[in-house]
């Protein structure tokens, strides 16, 4: 419980600094709740932050690696829909896959595979995976 409260207070301080600079992703009530140890606010922020396990990351890396090491297979890849079933079979939702692709692209891994998703065989939200200004 102490760690959770400390996390909330630290996150609240970070948000307060961001708020004073005019670039805060949360309301003042959330900042207040975090700084004053409101458990419900802390829990909501922990949930909002999300979590990508190393197993989930590895599952996506394994799928992308199939195309990374095989030029013929890479040429046949026409978009996100080609791998969506594989992702779902490994328990990776579309939103989680998008977060992982964005991370991998920012880390400059599998870029030539990820760039193949910018096609008509991908949903609009799964075409490009650039970091937002907020994430930089």
N, C-alpha and C. Protein backbone atom coordinates (compact mmCIF):
# COMPACT_ATOMS: atom_id res chain seq x y z
N UNK A 1 0.81 -1.19 0.00
CA UNK A 1 0.00 0.00 0.00
C UNK A 1 0.87 1.27 0.00
N UNK A 2 1.99 1.24 0.75
CA UNK A 2 2.87 2.40 0.80
C UNK A 2 3.43 2.72 -0.58
N UNK A 3 3.80 1.69 -1.35
CA UNK A 3 4.33 1.91 -2.69
C UNK A 3 3.29 2.57 -3.59
N UNK A 4 2.06 2.14 -3.46
CA UNK A 4 0.99 2.70 -4.27
C UNK A 4 0.77 4.18 -3.93
N UNK A 5 0.79 4.51 -2.68
CA UNK A 5 0.62 5.89 -2.26
C UNK A 5 1.80 6.73 -2.75
N UNK A 6 3.00 6.20 -2.61
CA UNK A 6 4.19 6.93 -3.06
C UNK A 6 4.14 7.14 -4.58
N UNK A 7 3.72 6.12 -5.31
CA UNK A 7 3.58 6.24 -6.75
C UNK A 7 2.59 7.35 -7.08
N UNK A 8 1.46 7.38 -6.40
CA UNK A 8 0.45 8.40 -6.64
C UNK A 8 0.98 9.80 -6.37
N UNK A 9 1.69 9.96 -5.28
CA UNK A 9 2.24 11.27 -4.94
C UNK A 9 3.29 11.71 -5.96
N UNK A 10 4.16 10.81 -6.37
CA UNK A 10 5.17 11.16 -7.38
C UNK A 10 4.52 11.51 -8.71
N UNK A 11 3.56 10.72 -9.13
CA UNK A 11 2.87 11.00 -10.38
C UNK A 11 2.11 12.32 -10.29
N UNK A 12 1.51 12.58 -9.14
CA UNK A 12 0.81 13.84 -8.93
C UNK A 12 1.76 15.04 -9.04
N UNK A 13 2.96 14.90 -8.49
CA UNK A 13 3.95 15.98 -8.59
C UNK A 13 4.38 16.19 -10.05
N UNK A 14 4.56 15.11 -10.77
CA UNK A 14 4.93 15.23 -12.19
C UNK A 14 3.82 15.93 -12.96
N UNK A 15 2.61 15.50 -12.74
CA UNK A 15 1.47 16.13 -13.41
C UNK A 15 1.35 17.61 -13.02
N UNK A 16 1.61 17.93 -11.75
CA UNK A 16 1.51 19.33 -11.32
C UNK A 16 2.53 20.19 -12.06
N UNK A 17 3.74 19.68 -12.23
CA UNK A 17 4.76 20.41 -12.99
C UNK A 17 4.32 20.58 -14.44
N UNK A 18 3.80 19.50 -15.04
CA UNK A 18 3.33 19.57 -16.42
C UNK A 18 2.17 20.56 -16.54
N UNK A 19 1.28 20.57 -15.56
CA UNK A 19 0.13 21.46 -15.57
C UNK A 19 0.59 22.91 -15.55
N UNK A 20 1.59 23.22 -14.76
CA UNK A 20 2.10 24.60 -14.68
C UNK A 20 2.75 25.02 -15.99
N UNK A 21 3.23 24.04 -16.78
CA UNK A 21 3.82 24.35 -18.08
C UNK A 21 2.78 24.32 -19.19
N UNK A 22 1.54 24.00 -18.84
CA UNK A 22 0.45 24.01 -19.80
C UNK A 22 0.33 22.76 -20.65
N UNK A 23 0.95 21.66 -20.24
CA UNK A 23 0.93 20.42 -21.04
C UNK A 23 0.63 19.21 -20.15
N UNK A 24 -0.51 19.19 -19.56
CA UNK A 24 -0.84 18.10 -18.63
C UNK A 24 -1.97 17.24 -19.19
N UNK A 25 -1.81 15.91 -19.12
CA UNK A 25 -2.82 15.02 -19.69
C UNK A 25 -4.01 14.75 -18.77
N UNK A 26 -4.01 15.31 -17.58
CA UNK A 26 -5.10 15.01 -16.63
C UNK A 26 -5.65 16.31 -16.04
N UNK A 27 -6.79 16.20 -15.40
CA UNK A 27 -7.45 17.37 -14.79
C UNK A 27 -6.79 17.70 -13.44
N UNK A 28 -7.13 18.89 -12.95
CA UNK A 28 -6.61 19.31 -11.65
C UNK A 28 -7.15 18.43 -10.52
N UNK A 29 -8.36 17.88 -10.71
CA UNK A 29 -8.91 17.01 -9.67
C UNK A 29 -8.09 15.72 -9.56
N UNK A 30 -7.60 15.22 -10.68
CA UNK A 30 -6.75 14.02 -10.66
C UNK A 30 -5.44 14.34 -9.95
N UNK A 31 -4.87 15.49 -10.28
CA UNK A 31 -3.62 15.90 -9.61
C UNK A 31 -3.83 15.97 -8.10
N UNK A 32 -4.89 16.62 -7.70
CA UNK A 32 -5.20 16.74 -6.27
C UNK A 32 -5.39 15.36 -5.64
N UNK A 33 -6.15 14.51 -6.32
CA UNK A 33 -6.39 13.17 -5.80
C UNK A 33 -5.11 12.36 -5.62
N UNK A 34 -4.22 12.47 -6.60
CA UNK A 34 -2.94 11.75 -6.49
C UNK A 34 -2.09 12.30 -5.36
N UNK A 35 -1.99 13.62 -5.28
CA UNK A 35 -1.16 14.24 -4.25
C UNK A 35 -1.66 13.98 -2.84
N UNK A 36 -2.96 13.74 -2.71
CA UNK A 36 -3.54 13.53 -1.39
C UNK A 36 -3.94 12.08 -1.12
N UNK A 37 -3.45 11.18 -1.93
CA UNK A 37 -3.59 9.76 -1.65
C UNK A 37 -4.96 9.17 -1.84
N UNK A 38 -5.78 9.70 -2.74
CA UNK A 38 -7.10 9.11 -3.01
C UNK A 38 -6.89 7.80 -3.76
N UNK A 39 -7.22 6.72 -3.09
CA UNK A 39 -6.96 5.39 -3.66
C UNK A 39 -7.65 5.19 -5.01
N UNK A 40 -8.89 5.65 -5.15
CA UNK A 40 -9.60 5.46 -6.41
C UNK A 40 -8.90 6.19 -7.55
N UNK A 41 -8.38 7.37 -7.29
CA UNK A 41 -7.67 8.13 -8.32
C UNK A 41 -6.36 7.42 -8.68
N UNK A 42 -5.64 6.96 -7.68
CA UNK A 42 -4.39 6.24 -7.93
C UNK A 42 -4.66 4.99 -8.76
N UNK A 43 -5.69 4.23 -8.38
CA UNK A 43 -6.04 3.02 -9.13
C UNK A 43 -6.41 3.33 -10.58
N UNK A 44 -7.17 4.40 -10.79
CA UNK A 44 -7.55 4.78 -12.15
C UNK A 44 -6.33 5.15 -12.98
N UNK A 45 -5.39 5.85 -12.39
CA UNK A 45 -4.18 6.24 -13.12
C UNK A 45 -3.30 5.03 -13.44
N UNK A 46 -3.21 4.11 -12.50
CA UNK A 46 -2.43 2.89 -12.75
C UNK A 46 -3.05 2.12 -13.90
N UNK A 47 -4.37 2.03 -13.92
CA UNK A 47 -5.06 1.33 -15.01
C UNK A 47 -4.89 2.06 -16.33
N UNK A 48 -4.95 3.38 -16.30
CA UNK A 48 -4.82 4.19 -17.52
C UNK A 48 -3.42 4.08 -18.12
N UNK A 49 -2.43 4.00 -17.26
CA UNK A 49 -1.05 3.90 -17.73
C UNK A 49 -0.86 2.61 -18.53
N UNK A 50 -1.52 1.54 -18.11
CA UNK A 50 -1.43 0.28 -18.83
C UNK A 50 -0.17 -0.50 -18.48
N UNK A 51 -0.06 -1.66 -19.11
CA UNK A 51 1.06 -2.55 -18.82
C UNK A 51 1.25 -3.48 -20.00
N UNK A 52 2.46 -3.58 -20.48
CA UNK A 52 2.82 -4.52 -21.54
C UNK A 52 3.83 -5.49 -20.93
N UNK A 53 3.45 -6.75 -20.82
CA UNK A 53 4.35 -7.74 -20.23
C UNK A 53 5.46 -8.10 -21.21
N UNK A 54 6.53 -8.64 -20.67
CA UNK A 54 7.62 -9.07 -21.56
C UNK A 54 7.16 -10.23 -22.45
N UNK A 55 6.19 -11.01 -21.97
CA UNK A 55 5.64 -12.10 -22.79
C UNK A 55 4.86 -11.55 -23.98
N UNK A 56 4.08 -10.50 -23.76
CA UNK A 56 3.35 -9.87 -24.86
C UNK A 56 4.30 -9.26 -25.87
N UNK A 57 5.31 -8.57 -25.38
CA UNK A 57 6.31 -7.98 -26.28
C UNK A 57 6.99 -9.07 -27.09
N UNK A 58 7.37 -10.13 -26.44
CA UNK A 58 8.06 -11.23 -27.12
C UNK A 58 7.16 -11.89 -28.16
N UNK A 59 5.88 -12.03 -27.86
CA UNK A 59 4.94 -12.63 -28.82
C UNK A 59 4.88 -11.81 -30.10
N UNK A 60 4.80 -10.49 -29.96
CA UNK A 60 4.76 -9.62 -31.15
C UNK A 60 6.10 -9.67 -31.88
N UNK A 61 7.18 -9.64 -31.14
CA UNK A 61 8.51 -9.72 -31.78
C UNK A 61 8.65 -11.02 -32.57
N UNK A 62 8.16 -12.11 -32.02
CA UNK A 62 8.25 -13.40 -32.73
C UNK A 62 7.47 -13.37 -34.04
N UNK A 63 6.29 -12.76 -34.03
CA UNK A 63 5.50 -12.66 -35.26
C UNK A 63 6.22 -11.80 -36.28
N UNK A 64 6.69 -10.64 -35.86
CA UNK A 64 7.38 -9.75 -36.79
C UNK A 64 8.68 -10.35 -37.29
N UNK A 65 9.34 -11.11 -36.45
CA UNK A 65 10.62 -11.71 -36.83
C UNK A 65 10.46 -12.70 -37.99
N UNK A 66 9.31 -13.36 -38.07
CA UNK A 66 9.06 -14.28 -39.19
C UNK A 66 9.22 -13.55 -40.52
N UNK A 67 8.79 -12.30 -40.58
CA UNK A 67 8.87 -11.50 -41.79
C UNK A 67 10.24 -10.82 -41.92
N UNK A 68 10.83 -10.53 -40.80
CA UNK A 68 12.14 -9.89 -40.77
C UNK A 68 13.22 -10.78 -41.38
N UNK A 69 13.14 -12.07 -41.10
CA UNK A 69 14.19 -12.98 -41.55
C UNK A 69 13.90 -13.63 -42.90
N UNK A 70 12.70 -13.47 -43.42
CA UNK A 70 12.31 -14.13 -44.66
C UNK A 70 11.81 -13.08 -45.67
N UNK A 71 12.68 -12.70 -46.60
CA UNK A 71 12.33 -11.67 -47.58
C UNK A 71 11.11 -12.04 -48.42
N UNK A 72 10.99 -13.32 -48.72
CA UNK A 72 9.84 -13.76 -49.52
C UNK A 72 8.54 -13.55 -48.75
N UNK A 73 8.57 -13.91 -47.48
CA UNK A 73 7.39 -13.73 -46.64
C UNK A 73 7.09 -12.24 -46.45
N UNK A 74 8.14 -11.44 -46.33
CA UNK A 74 7.97 -10.00 -46.19
C UNK A 74 7.29 -9.40 -47.42
N UNK A 75 7.66 -9.86 -48.58
CA UNK A 75 7.05 -9.37 -49.82
C UNK A 75 5.57 -9.70 -49.89
N UNK A 76 5.17 -10.81 -49.29
CA UNK A 76 3.77 -11.23 -49.30
C UNK A 76 2.92 -10.50 -48.26
N UNK A 77 3.56 -9.85 -47.30
CA UNK A 77 2.85 -9.14 -46.25
C UNK A 77 2.21 -7.88 -46.85
N UNK A 78 0.89 -7.80 -46.75
CA UNK A 78 0.19 -6.67 -47.37
C UNK A 78 -0.42 -5.72 -46.36
N UNK A 79 -0.36 -6.02 -45.08
CA UNK A 79 -0.89 -5.12 -44.08
C UNK A 79 -1.18 -5.81 -42.76
N UNK A 80 -1.71 -5.04 -41.83
CA UNK A 80 -1.98 -5.51 -40.47
C UNK A 80 -2.93 -6.70 -40.45
N UNK A 81 -3.92 -6.70 -41.33
CA UNK A 81 -4.90 -7.79 -41.32
C UNK A 81 -4.23 -9.14 -41.54
N UNK A 82 -3.08 -9.16 -42.19
CA UNK A 82 -2.37 -10.43 -42.44
C UNK A 82 -1.89 -11.09 -41.15
N UNK A 83 -1.65 -10.30 -40.11
CA UNK A 83 -1.12 -10.87 -38.86
C UNK A 83 -2.10 -10.76 -37.69
N UNK A 84 -3.24 -10.15 -37.91
CA UNK A 84 -4.17 -9.91 -36.80
C UNK A 84 -4.60 -11.21 -36.11
N UNK A 85 -4.86 -12.25 -36.88
CA UNK A 85 -5.27 -13.52 -36.27
C UNK A 85 -4.15 -14.10 -35.41
N UNK A 86 -2.91 -14.02 -35.89
CA UNK A 86 -1.78 -14.50 -35.09
C UNK A 86 -1.68 -13.74 -33.77
N UNK A 87 -1.88 -12.44 -33.83
CA UNK A 87 -1.84 -11.62 -32.61
C UNK A 87 -2.94 -12.04 -31.65
N UNK A 88 -4.16 -12.19 -32.18
CA UNK A 88 -5.29 -12.58 -31.33
C UNK A 88 -5.07 -13.95 -30.70
N UNK A 89 -4.49 -14.88 -31.45
CA UNK A 89 -4.22 -16.22 -30.91
C UNK A 89 -3.25 -16.16 -29.74
N UNK A 90 -2.42 -15.14 -29.70
CA UNK A 90 -1.46 -14.97 -28.61
C UNK A 90 -1.97 -14.02 -27.54
N UNK A 91 -3.25 -13.65 -27.66
CA UNK A 91 -3.86 -12.79 -26.65
C UNK A 91 -3.49 -11.32 -26.76
N UNK A 92 -3.05 -10.89 -27.92
CA UNK A 92 -2.66 -9.50 -28.13
C UNK A 92 -3.81 -8.77 -28.83
N UNK A 93 -4.40 -7.81 -28.16
CA UNK A 93 -5.48 -7.01 -28.75
C UNK A 93 -4.89 -6.03 -29.76
N UNK A 94 -5.75 -5.48 -30.58
CA UNK A 94 -5.30 -4.50 -31.56
C UNK A 94 -4.66 -3.30 -30.87
N UNK A 95 -5.28 -2.81 -29.82
CA UNK A 95 -4.73 -1.63 -29.13
C UNK A 95 -3.37 -1.93 -28.50
N UNK A 96 -3.22 -3.11 -27.94
CA UNK A 96 -1.94 -3.48 -27.35
C UNK A 96 -0.89 -3.65 -28.44
N UNK A 97 -1.28 -4.24 -29.57
CA UNK A 97 -0.35 -4.39 -30.70
C UNK A 97 0.11 -3.02 -31.18
N UNK A 98 -0.80 -2.07 -31.24
CA UNK A 98 -0.45 -0.72 -31.68
C UNK A 98 0.59 -0.09 -30.75
N UNK A 99 0.43 -0.28 -29.46
CA UNK A 99 1.40 0.25 -28.51
C UNK A 99 2.77 -0.41 -28.70
N UNK A 100 2.76 -1.72 -28.90
CA UNK A 100 4.01 -2.44 -29.08
C UNK A 100 4.68 -2.05 -30.39
N UNK A 101 3.92 -1.93 -31.48
CA UNK A 101 4.50 -1.50 -32.76
C UNK A 101 5.12 -0.10 -32.63
N UNK A 102 4.43 0.79 -31.93
CA UNK A 102 4.95 2.15 -31.75
C UNK A 102 6.26 2.10 -30.97
N UNK A 103 6.31 1.29 -29.93
CA UNK A 103 7.54 1.14 -29.15
C UNK A 103 8.67 0.57 -30.02
N UNK A 104 8.37 -0.49 -30.75
CA UNK A 104 9.40 -1.12 -31.57
C UNK A 104 9.91 -0.17 -32.65
N UNK A 105 9.01 0.58 -33.26
CA UNK A 105 9.43 1.53 -34.30
C UNK A 105 10.29 2.62 -33.68
N UNK A 106 9.91 3.13 -32.52
CA UNK A 106 10.71 4.14 -31.83
C UNK A 106 12.08 3.60 -31.46
N UNK A 107 12.14 2.30 -31.20
CA UNK A 107 13.40 1.63 -30.86
C UNK A 107 14.16 1.19 -32.11
N UNK A 108 13.60 1.51 -33.27
CA UNK A 108 14.19 1.20 -34.58
C UNK A 108 14.39 -0.29 -34.80
N UNK A 109 13.38 -1.04 -34.39
CA UNK A 109 13.40 -2.48 -34.62
C UNK A 109 12.21 -2.87 -35.48
N UNK A 110 12.43 -3.72 -36.42
CA UNK A 110 11.40 -4.25 -37.32
C UNK A 110 10.73 -3.14 -38.16
N UNK A 111 11.42 -2.02 -38.35
CA UNK A 111 10.80 -0.90 -39.07
C UNK A 111 10.35 -1.29 -40.47
N UNK A 112 11.17 -2.07 -41.18
CA UNK A 112 10.79 -2.44 -42.56
C UNK A 112 9.56 -3.34 -42.58
N UNK A 113 9.32 -4.07 -41.51
CA UNK A 113 8.12 -4.90 -41.41
C UNK A 113 6.93 -4.01 -41.02
N UNK A 114 7.11 -3.19 -40.01
CA UNK A 114 6.04 -2.33 -39.52
C UNK A 114 5.57 -1.36 -40.61
N UNK A 115 6.46 -0.89 -41.42
CA UNK A 115 6.10 0.04 -42.50
C UNK A 115 5.19 -0.61 -43.53
N UNK A 116 5.18 -1.93 -43.62
CA UNK A 116 4.28 -2.63 -44.54
C UNK A 116 2.82 -2.49 -44.12
N UNK A 117 2.57 -2.09 -42.89
CA UNK A 117 1.20 -1.92 -42.41
C UNK A 117 0.55 -0.65 -42.97
N UNK A 118 1.35 0.25 -43.51
CA UNK A 118 0.80 1.47 -44.10
C UNK A 118 0.25 1.15 -45.49
N UNK A 119 -0.87 0.44 -45.48
CA UNK A 119 -1.46 -0.05 -46.73
C UNK A 119 -2.98 -0.11 -46.60
N UNK A 120 -3.61 -0.42 -47.70
CA UNK A 120 -5.07 -0.55 -47.68
C UNK A 120 -5.52 -1.83 -46.97
N UNK A 121 -4.60 -2.73 -46.67
CA UNK A 121 -4.94 -3.97 -45.96
C UNK A 121 -4.72 -3.82 -44.44
N UNK A 122 -4.87 -2.59 -43.98
CA UNK A 122 -4.75 -2.29 -42.55
C UNK A 122 -5.85 -1.32 -42.17
N UNK A 123 -6.38 -1.44 -40.94
CA UNK A 123 -7.33 -0.43 -40.49
C UNK A 123 -6.63 0.92 -40.35
N UNK A 124 -7.38 1.97 -40.39
CA UNK A 124 -6.81 3.32 -40.36
C UNK A 124 -5.85 3.50 -39.18
N UNK A 125 -6.25 3.01 -38.01
CA UNK A 125 -5.43 3.22 -36.81
C UNK A 125 -4.16 2.36 -36.78
N UNK A 126 -4.03 1.42 -37.71
CA UNK A 126 -2.88 0.52 -37.72
C UNK A 126 -2.02 0.70 -38.97
N UNK A 127 -1.87 1.93 -39.41
CA UNK A 127 -1.06 2.18 -40.61
C UNK A 127 0.30 2.77 -40.26
N UNK A 128 0.33 3.73 -39.38
CA UNK A 128 1.60 4.35 -38.99
C UNK A 128 1.73 4.31 -37.48
N UNK A 129 2.94 4.26 -37.02
CA UNK A 129 3.18 4.08 -35.59
C UNK A 129 4.26 5.05 -35.11
N UNK A 130 4.02 6.33 -35.35
CA UNK A 130 4.94 7.37 -34.95
C UNK A 130 4.62 7.81 -33.52
N UNK A 131 5.64 8.20 -32.80
CA UNK A 131 5.41 8.74 -31.46
C UNK A 131 4.71 10.09 -31.56
N UNK A 132 3.70 10.28 -30.71
CA UNK A 132 3.08 11.61 -30.61
C UNK A 132 4.06 12.54 -29.94
N UNK A 133 3.87 13.84 -30.14
CA UNK A 133 4.72 14.82 -29.46
C UNK A 133 4.70 14.62 -27.95
N UNK A 134 3.53 14.21 -27.43
CA UNK A 134 3.40 13.98 -26.00
C UNK A 134 4.33 12.87 -25.52
N UNK A 135 4.54 11.85 -26.36
CA UNK A 135 5.33 10.69 -25.95
C UNK A 135 6.84 10.89 -26.12
N UNK A 136 7.23 11.97 -26.76
CA UNK A 136 8.67 12.21 -27.00
C UNK A 136 9.32 12.83 -25.80
